[in-house]
């Protein structure tokens, strides 16, 4: 089964690039087979990691960034491939 973990945060205005750099630089242990980062208007950053695991498996996730860097709490979702 493939599980995708999605992590999305909105940076404080003007700090989207800094949040993206922070999210892309974080190591995960173990590293996922696939990891991609996206941006959107409003200084939003999305990171998706893909894992060969069961839906409820314990998997490493990106942590919360420094509260001074984000405009609201991080959102996280877990999906399975269909």
PDB file of N, CA and C in Angstrom:
ATOM      1  N   UNK A   1       0.846  -1.168   0.000  1.00  0.00           N
ATOM      2  CA  UNK A   1       0.000   0.000   0.000  1.00  0.00           C
ATOM      3  C   UNK A   1       0.896   1.236   0.000  1.00  0.00           C
ATOM      4  N   UNK A   2       0.474   2.263  -0.730  1.00  0.00           N
ATOM      5  CA  UNK A   2       1.191   3.536  -0.723  1.00  0.00           C
ATOM      6  C   UNK A   2       0.421   4.537   0.119  1.00  0.00           C
ATOM      7  N   UNK A   3       1.123   5.160   1.050  1.00  0.00           N
ATOM      8  CA  UNK A   3       0.542   6.195   1.914  1.00  0.00           C
ATOM      9  C   UNK A   3       1.238   7.509   1.595  1.00  0.00           C
ATOM     10  N   UNK A   4       0.450   8.550   1.401  1.00  0.00           N
ATOM     11  CA  UNK A   4       0.996   9.887   1.177  1.00  0.00           C
ATOM     12  C   UNK A   4       0.708  10.740   2.403  1.00  0.00           C
ATOM     13  N   UNK A   5       1.752  11.351   2.939  1.00  0.00           N
ATOM     14  CA  UNK A   5       1.594  12.288   4.045  1.00  0.00           C
ATOM     15  C   UNK A   5       1.716  13.684   3.473  1.00  0.00           C
ATOM     16  N   UNK A   6       0.730  14.518   3.767  1.00  0.00           N
ATOM     17  CA  UNK A   6       0.743  15.899   3.292  1.00  0.00           C
ATOM     18  C   UNK A   6       0.903  16.831   4.482  1.00  0.00           C
ATOM     19  N   UNK A   7       1.795  17.799   4.319  1.00  0.00           N
ATOM     20  CA  UNK A   7       2.107  18.788   5.349  1.00  0.00           C
ATOM     21  C   UNK A   7       1.965  20.139   4.679  1.00  0.00           C
ATOM     22  N   UNK A   8       1.122  21.022   5.225  1.00  0.00           N
ATOM     23  CA  UNK A   8       0.894  22.328   4.602  1.00  0.00           C
ATOM     24  C   UNK A   8       0.923  23.422   5.662  1.00  0.00           C
ATOM     25  N   UNK A   9       1.628  24.501   5.347  1.00  0.00           N
ATOM     26  CA  UNK A   9       1.727  25.624   6.278  1.00  0.00           C
ATOM     27  C   UNK A   9       1.669  26.938   5.511  1.00  0.00           C
ATOM     28  N   UNK A  10       1.189  27.957   6.191  1.00  0.00           N
ATOM     29  CA  UNK A  10       1.165  29.316   5.627  1.00  0.00           C
ATOM     30  C   UNK A  10       2.175  30.141   6.416  1.00  0.00           C
ATOM     31  N   UNK A  11       3.148  30.678   5.695  1.00  0.00           N
ATOM     32  CA  UNK A  11       4.170  31.503   6.332  1.00  0.00           C
ATOM     33  C   UNK A  11       3.607  32.880   6.660  1.00  0.00           C
ATOM     34  N   UNK A  12       4.255  33.556   7.578  1.00  0.00           N
ATOM     35  CA  UNK A  12       3.907  34.955   7.796  1.00  0.00           C
ATOM     36  C   UNK A  12       4.207  35.684   6.484  1.00  0.00           C
ATOM     37  N   UNK A  13       3.497  36.763   6.182  1.00  0.00           N
ATOM     38  CA  UNK A  13       3.678  37.441   4.901  1.00  0.00           C
ATOM     39  C   UNK A  13       5.153  37.739   4.596  1.00  0.00           C
ATOM     40  N   UNK A  14       5.533  37.380   3.362  1.00  0.00           N
ATOM     41  CA  UNK A  14       6.880  37.636   2.895  1.00  0.00           C
ATOM     42  C   UNK A  14       7.914  36.599   3.291  1.00  0.00           C
ATOM     43  N   UNK A  15       7.511  35.563   4.039  1.00  0.00           N
ATOM     44  CA  UNK A  15       8.463  34.554   4.525  1.00  0.00           C
ATOM     45  C   UNK A  15       8.264  33.181   3.877  1.00  0.00           C
ATOM     46  N   UNK A  16       7.531  33.139   2.763  1.00  0.00           N
ATOM     47  CA  UNK A  16       7.276  31.869   2.097  1.00  0.00           C
ATOM     48  C   UNK A  16       8.544  31.165   1.655  1.00  0.00           C
ATOM     49  N   UNK A  17       9.498  31.901   1.092  1.00  0.00           N
ATOM     50  CA  UNK A  17      10.757  31.292   0.638  1.00  0.00           C
ATOM     51  C   UNK A  17      11.541  30.734   1.824  1.00  0.00           C
ATOM     52  N   UNK A  18      11.530  31.445   2.923  1.00  0.00           N
ATOM     53  CA  UNK A  18      12.236  30.964   4.119  1.00  0.00           C
ATOM     54  C   UNK A  18      11.589  29.686   4.658  1.00  0.00           C
ATOM     55  N   UNK A  19      10.248  29.646   4.675  1.00  0.00           N
ATOM     56  CA  UNK A  19       9.548  28.444   5.126  1.00  0.00           C
ATOM     57  C   UNK A  19       9.831  27.274   4.188  1.00  0.00           C
ATOM     58  N   UNK A  20       9.827  27.529   2.879  1.00  0.00           N
ATOM     59  CA  UNK A  20      10.133  26.479   1.912  1.00  0.00           C
ATOM     60  C   UNK A  20      11.538  25.935   2.136  1.00  0.00           C
ATOM     61  N   UNK A  21      12.518  26.809   2.287  1.00  0.00           N
ATOM     62  CA  UNK A  21      13.899  26.362   2.543  1.00  0.00           C
ATOM     63  C   UNK A  21      13.969  25.509   3.806  1.00  0.00           C
ATOM     64  N   UNK A  22      13.287  25.944   4.842  1.00  0.00           N
ATOM     65  CA  UNK A  22      13.274  25.201   6.109  1.00  0.00           C
ATOM     66  C   UNK A  22      12.691  23.800   5.889  1.00  0.00           C
ATOM     67  N   UNK A  23      11.520  23.725   5.229  1.00  0.00           N
ATOM     68  CA  UNK A  23      10.840  22.443   5.038  1.00  0.00           C
ATOM     69  C   UNK A  23      11.660  21.507   4.148  1.00  0.00           C
ATOM     70  N   UNK A  24      12.318  22.038   3.133  1.00  0.00           N
ATOM     71  CA  UNK A  24      13.103  21.198   2.219  1.00  0.00           C
ATOM     72  C   UNK A  24      14.399  20.704   2.850  1.00  0.00           C
ATOM     73  N   UNK A  25      14.897  21.417   3.842  1.00  0.00           N
ATOM     74  CA  UNK A  25      16.185  21.049   4.437  1.00  0.00           C
ATOM     75  C   UNK A  25      16.065  20.007   5.546  1.00  0.00           C
ATOM     76  N   UNK A  26      14.865  19.732   6.003  1.00  0.00           N
ATOM     77  CA  UNK A  26      14.691  18.814   7.126  1.00  0.00           C
ATOM     78  C   UNK A  26      14.884  17.363   6.710  1.00  0.00           C
ATOM     79  N   UNK A  27      15.768  16.651   7.388  1.00  0.00           N
ATOM     80  CA  UNK A  27      15.901  15.226   7.101  1.00  0.00           C
ATOM     81  C   UNK A  27      14.790  14.444   7.793  1.00  0.00           C
ATOM     82  N   UNK A  28      14.399  13.356   7.181  1.00  0.00           N
ATOM     83  CA  UNK A  28      13.472  12.422   7.805  1.00  0.00           C
ATOM     84  C   UNK A  28      14.226  11.106   7.969  1.00  0.00           C
ATOM     85  N   UNK A  29      13.954  10.403   9.056  1.00  0.00           N
ATOM     86  CA  UNK A  29      14.657   9.156   9.314  1.00  0.00           C
ATOM     87  C   UNK A  29      13.648   8.048   9.566  1.00  0.00           C
ATOM     88  N   UNK A  30      13.460   7.164   8.594  1.00  0.00           N
ATOM     89  CA  UNK A  30      14.174   7.078   7.326  1.00  0.00           C
ATOM     90  C   UNK A  30      13.631   8.080   6.320  1.00  0.00           C
ATOM     91  N   UNK A  31      14.372   8.282   5.249  1.00  0.00           N
ATOM     92  CA  UNK A  31      13.903   9.146   4.168  1.00  0.00           C
ATOM     93  C   UNK A  31      12.828   8.400   3.374  1.00  0.00           C
ATOM     94  N   UNK A  32      11.801   9.111   2.925  1.00  0.00           N
ATOM     95  CA  UNK A  32      10.758   8.447   2.139  1.00  0.00           C
ATOM     96  C   UNK A  32      11.266   8.126   0.730  1.00  0.00           C
ATOM     97  N   UNK A  33      10.622   7.174   0.057  1.00  0.00           N
ATOM     98  CA  UNK A  33      10.997   6.883  -1.324  1.00  0.00           C
ATOM     99  C   UNK A  33      10.781   8.081  -2.253  1.00  0.00           C
ATOM    100  N   UNK A  34       9.835   8.943  -1.896  1.00  0.00           N
ATOM    101  CA  UNK A  34       9.527  10.111  -2.738  1.00  0.00           C
ATOM    102  C   UNK A  34       9.116  11.265  -1.839  1.00  0.00           C
ATOM    103  N   UNK A  35       9.573  12.467  -2.208  1.00  0.00           N
ATOM    104  CA  UNK A  35       9.252  13.668  -1.426  1.00  0.00           C
ATOM    105  C   UNK A  35       9.236  14.849  -2.381  1.00  0.00           C
ATOM    106  N   UNK A  36       8.171  15.648  -2.335  1.00  0.00           N
ATOM    107  CA  UNK A  36       8.045  16.811  -3.208  1.00  0.00           C
ATOM    108  C   UNK A  36       7.546  18.005  -2.407  1.00  0.00           C
ATOM    109  N   UNK A  37       7.958  19.191  -2.842  1.00  0.00           N
ATOM    110  CA  UNK A  37       7.528  20.435  -2.195  1.00  0.00           C
ATOM    111  C   UNK A  37       6.857  21.324  -3.234  1.00  0.00           C
ATOM    112  N   UNK A  38       5.837  22.049  -2.794  1.00  0.00           N
ATOM    113  CA  UNK A  38       5.078  22.936  -3.661  1.00  0.00           C
ATOM    114  C   UNK A  38       4.859  24.259  -2.929  1.00  0.00           C
ATOM    115  N   UNK A  39       4.617  25.311  -3.700  1.00  0.00           N
ATOM    116  CA  UNK A  39       4.233  26.591  -3.113  1.00  0.00           C
ATOM    117  C   UNK A  39       2.938  27.067  -3.772  1.00  0.00           C
ATOM    118  N   UNK A  40       2.262  27.995  -3.107  1.00  0.00           N
ATOM    119  CA  UNK A  40       1.028  28.578  -3.621  1.00  0.00           C
ATOM    120  C   UNK A  40       0.958  30.029  -3.162  1.00  0.00           C
ATOM    121  N   UNK A  41       0.123  30.808  -3.821  1.00  0.00           N
ATOM    122  CA  UNK A  41      -0.039  32.197  -3.379  1.00  0.00           C
ATOM    123  C   UNK A  41      -0.395  32.255  -1.892  1.00  0.00           C
ATOM    124  N   UNK A  42      -0.044  33.348  -1.287  1.00  0.00           N
ATOM    125  CA  UNK A  42      -0.313  33.511   0.137  1.00  0.00           C
ATOM    126  C   UNK A  42       0.777  32.925   1.001  1.00  0.00           C
ATOM    127  N   UNK A  43       1.980  32.734   0.410  1.00  0.00           N
ATOM    128  CA  UNK A  43       3.128  32.205   1.163  1.00  0.00           C
ATOM    129  C   UNK A  43       2.828  30.833   1.772  1.00  0.00           C
ATOM    130  N   UNK A  44       2.123  29.990   0.993  1.00  0.00           N
ATOM    131  CA  UNK A  44       1.821  28.642   1.457  1.00  0.00           C
ATOM    132  C   UNK A  44       2.846  27.650   0.919  1.00  0.00           C
ATOM    133  N   UNK A  45       3.167  26.662   1.740  1.00  0.00           N
ATOM    134  CA  UNK A  45       4.125  25.611   1.390  1.00  0.00           C
ATOM    135  C   UNK A  45       3.467  24.262   1.661  1.00  0.00           C
ATOM    136  N   UNK A  46       3.604  23.363   0.699  1.00  0.00           N
ATOM    137  CA  UNK A  46       3.060  22.019   0.808  1.00  0.00           C
ATOM    138  C   UNK A  46       4.191  21.030   0.571  1.00  0.00           C
ATOM    139  N   UNK A  47       4.306  20.034   1.446  1.00  0.00           N
ATOM    140  CA  UNK A  47       5.272  18.951   1.266  1.00  0.00           C
ATOM    141  C   UNK A  47       4.491  17.649   1.307  1.00  0.00           C
ATOM    142  N   UNK A  48       4.739  16.792   0.303  1.00  0.00           N
ATOM    143  CA  UNK A  48       4.113  15.480   0.248  1.00  0.00           C
ATOM    144  C   UNK A  48       5.222  14.438   0.278  1.00  0.00           C
ATOM    145  N   UNK A  49       5.067  13.459   1.150  1.00  0.00           N
ATOM    146  CA  UNK A  49       5.986  12.323   1.181  1.00  0.00           C
ATOM    147  C   UNK A  49       5.187  11.059   0.900  1.00  0.00           C
ATOM    148  N   UNK A  50       5.806  10.129   0.174  1.00  0.00           N
ATOM    149  CA  UNK A  50       5.170   8.865  -0.174  1.00  0.00           C
ATOM    150  C   UNK A  50       5.909   7.733   0.512  1.00  0.00           C
ATOM    151  N   UNK A  51       5.142   6.778   1.021  1.00  0.00           N
ATOM    152  CA  UNK A  51       5.709   5.660   1.776  1.00  0.00           C
ATOM    153  C   UNK A  51       5.057   4.360   1.349  1.00  0.00           C
ATOM    154  N   UNK A  52       5.821   3.290   1.341  1.00  0.00           N
ATOM    155  CA  UNK A  52       5.280   1.948   1.156  1.00  0.00           C
ATOM    156  C   UNK A  52       4.981   1.428   2.565  1.00  0.00           C
ATOM    157  N   UNK A  53       3.732   1.624   3.008  1.00  0.00           N
ATOM    158  CA  UNK A  53       3.364   1.291   4.385  1.00  0.00           C
ATOM    159  C   UNK A  53       1.856   1.161   4.499  1.00  0.00           C
ATOM    160  N   UNK A  54       1.408   0.602   5.611  1.00  0.00           N
ATOM    161  CA  UNK A  54      -0.022   0.560   5.912  1.00  0.00           C
ATOM    162  C   UNK A  54      -0.483   1.950   6.341  1.00  0.00           C
ATOM    163  N   UNK A  55      -1.775   2.205   6.192  1.00  0.00           N
ATOM    164  CA  UNK A  55      -2.325   3.531   6.495  1.00  0.00           C
ATOM    165  C   UNK A  55      -1.984   3.988   7.912  1.00  0.00           C
ATOM    166  N   UNK A  56      -2.069   3.114   8.869  1.00  0.00           N
ATOM    167  CA  UNK A  56      -1.840   3.489  10.261  1.00  0.00           C
ATOM    168  C   UNK A  56      -0.402   3.353  10.726  1.00  0.00           C
ATOM    169  N   UNK A  57       0.509   3.067   9.813  1.00  0.00           N
ATOM    170  CA  UNK A  57       1.911   2.864  10.191  1.00  0.00           C
ATOM    171  C   UNK A  57       2.501   4.124  10.821  1.00  0.00           C
ATOM    172  N   UNK A  58       3.414   3.926  11.741  1.00  0.00           N
ATOM    173  CA  UNK A  58       4.127   5.055  12.335  1.00  0.00           C
ATOM    174  C   UNK A  58       5.200   5.505  11.346  1.00  0.00           C
ATOM    175  N   UNK A  59       5.073   6.731  10.864  1.00  0.00           N
ATOM    176  CA  UNK A  59       5.976   7.272   9.855  1.00  0.00           C
ATOM    177  C   UNK A  59       6.506   8.628  10.313  1.00  0.00           C
ATOM    178  N   UNK A  60       7.726   8.968   9.936  1.00  0.00           N
ATOM    179  CA  UNK A  60       8.254  10.278  10.324  1.00  0.00           C
ATOM    180  C   UNK A  60       7.540  11.391   9.556  1.00  0.00           C
ATOM    181  N   UNK A  61       7.187  12.422  10.264  1.00  0.00           N
ATOM    182  CA  UNK A  61       6.514  13.564   9.646  1.00  0.00           C
ATOM    183  C   UNK A  61       7.325  14.826   9.888  1.00  0.00           C
ATOM    184  N   UNK A  62       7.131  15.804   9.024  1.00  0.00           N
ATOM    185  CA  UNK A  62       7.776  17.093   9.249  1.00  0.00           C
ATOM    186  C   UNK A  62       7.225  17.704  10.526  1.00  0.00           C
ATOM    187  N   UNK A  63       8.079  18.304  11.328  1.00  0.00           N
ATOM    188  CA  UNK A  63       7.606  18.924  12.573  1.00  0.00           C
ATOM    189  C   UNK A  63       6.965  20.286  12.296  1.00  0.00           C
ATOM    190  N   UNK A  64       6.489  20.893  13.347  1.00  0.00           N
ATOM    191  CA  UNK A  64       5.997  22.265  13.238  1.00  0.00           C
ATOM    192  C   UNK A  64       7.194  23.204  13.167  1.00  0.00           C
ATOM    193  N   UNK A  65       7.136  24.211  12.296  1.00  0.00           N
ATOM    194  CA  UNK A  65       8.217  25.193  12.251  1.00  0.00           C
ATOM    195  C   UNK A  65       8.142  26.141  13.448  1.00  0.00           C
ATOM    196  N   UNK A  66       9.135  26.971  13.564  1.00  0.00           N
ATOM    197  CA  UNK A  66       9.146  28.007  14.601  1.00  0.00           C
ATOM    198  C   UNK A  66       7.838  28.799  14.489  1.00  0.00           C
ATOM    199  N   UNK A  67       7.113  28.991  15.578  1.00  0.00           N
ATOM    200  CA  UNK A  67       5.846  29.727  15.518  1.00  0.00           C
ATOM    201  C   UNK A  67       5.974  31.131  14.924  1.00  0.00           C
ATOM    202  N   UNK A  68       7.141  31.727  15.009  1.00  0.00           N
ATOM    203  CA  UNK A  68       7.338  33.066  14.438  1.00  0.00           C
ATOM    204  C   UNK A  68       7.363  33.034  12.917  1.00  0.00           C
ATOM    205  N   UNK A  69       7.490  31.851  12.321  1.00  0.00           N
ATOM    206  CA  UNK A  69       7.579  31.718  10.869  1.00  0.00           C
ATOM    207  C   UNK A  69       6.228  31.461  10.209  1.00  0.00           C
ATOM    208  N   UNK A  70       5.249  30.979  10.966  1.00  0.00           N
ATOM    209  CA  UNK A  70       3.963  30.600  10.376  1.00  0.00           C
ATOM    210  C   UNK A  70       2.829  31.493  10.850  1.00  0.00           C
ATOM    211  N   UNK A  71       1.852  31.683   9.943  1.00  0.00           N
ATOM    212  CA  UNK A  71       0.706  32.540  10.232  1.00  0.00           C
ATOM    213  C   UNK A  71      -0.442  31.793  10.897  1.00  0.00           C
ATOM    214  N   UNK A  72      -0.379  30.470  10.858  1.00  0.00           N
ATOM    215  CA  UNK A  72      -1.428  29.632  11.472  1.00  0.00           C
ATOM    216  C   UNK A  72      -0.836  28.246  11.705  1.00  0.00           C
ATOM    217  N   UNK A  73      -1.528  27.400  12.458  1.00  0.00           N
ATOM    218  CA  UNK A  73      -0.999  26.051  12.694  1.00  0.00           C
ATOM    219  C   UNK A  73      -0.841  25.261  11.392  1.00  0.00           C
ATOM    220  N   UNK A  74       0.098  24.339  11.393  1.00  0.00           N
ATOM    221  CA  UNK A  74       0.334  23.437  10.264  1.00  0.00           C
ATOM    222  C   UNK A  74      -0.853  22.507  10.103  1.00  0.00           C
ATOM    223  N   UNK A  75      -1.189  22.173   8.850  1.00  0.00           N
ATOM    224  CA  UNK A  75      -2.220  21.175   8.561  1.00  0.00           C
ATOM    225  C   UNK A  75      -1.520  19.913   8.073  1.00  0.00           C
ATOM    226  N   UNK A  76      -2.038  18.773   8.494  1.00  0.00           N
ATOM    227  CA  UNK A  76      -1.487  17.472   8.080  1.00  0.00           C
ATOM    228  C   UNK A  76      -2.638  16.555   7.670  1.00  0.00           C
ATOM    229  N   UNK A  77      -2.402  15.802   6.573  1.00  0.00           N
ATOM    230  CA  UNK A  77      -3.364  14.813   6.120  1.00  0.00           C
ATOM    231  C   UNK A  77      -2.625  13.555   5.717  1.00  0.00           C
ATOM    232  N   UNK A  78      -3.324  12.442   5.765  1.00  0.00           N
ATOM    233  CA  UNK A  78      -2.780  11.144   5.363  1.00  0.00           C
ATOM    234  C   UNK A  78      -3.763  10.539   4.358  1.00  0.00           C
ATOM    235  N   UNK A  79      -3.215  10.074   3.231  1.00  0.00           N
ATOM    236  CA  UNK A  79      -4.040   9.490   2.171  1.00  0.00           C
ATOM    237  C   UNK A  79      -3.450   8.157   1.726  1.00  0.00           C
ATOM    238  N   UNK A  80      -4.306   7.311   1.144  1.00  0.00           N
ATOM    239  CA  UNK A  80      -3.818   6.090   0.509  1.00  0.00           C
ATOM    240  C   UNK A  80      -4.082   6.197  -0.991  1.00  0.00           C
ATOM    241  N   UNK A  81      -3.232   5.544  -1.749  1.00  0.00           N
ATOM    242  CA  UNK A  81      -3.386   5.541  -3.205  1.00  0.00           C
ATOM    243  C   UNK A  81      -4.528   4.611  -3.591  1.00  0.00           C
ATOM    244  N   UNK A  82      -5.322   5.042  -4.561  1.00  0.00           N
ATOM    245  CA  UNK A  82      -6.437   4.201  -5.061  1.00  0.00           C
ATOM    246  C   UNK A  82      -6.284   3.984  -6.550  1.00  0.00           C
TER     247      UNK A  82
END
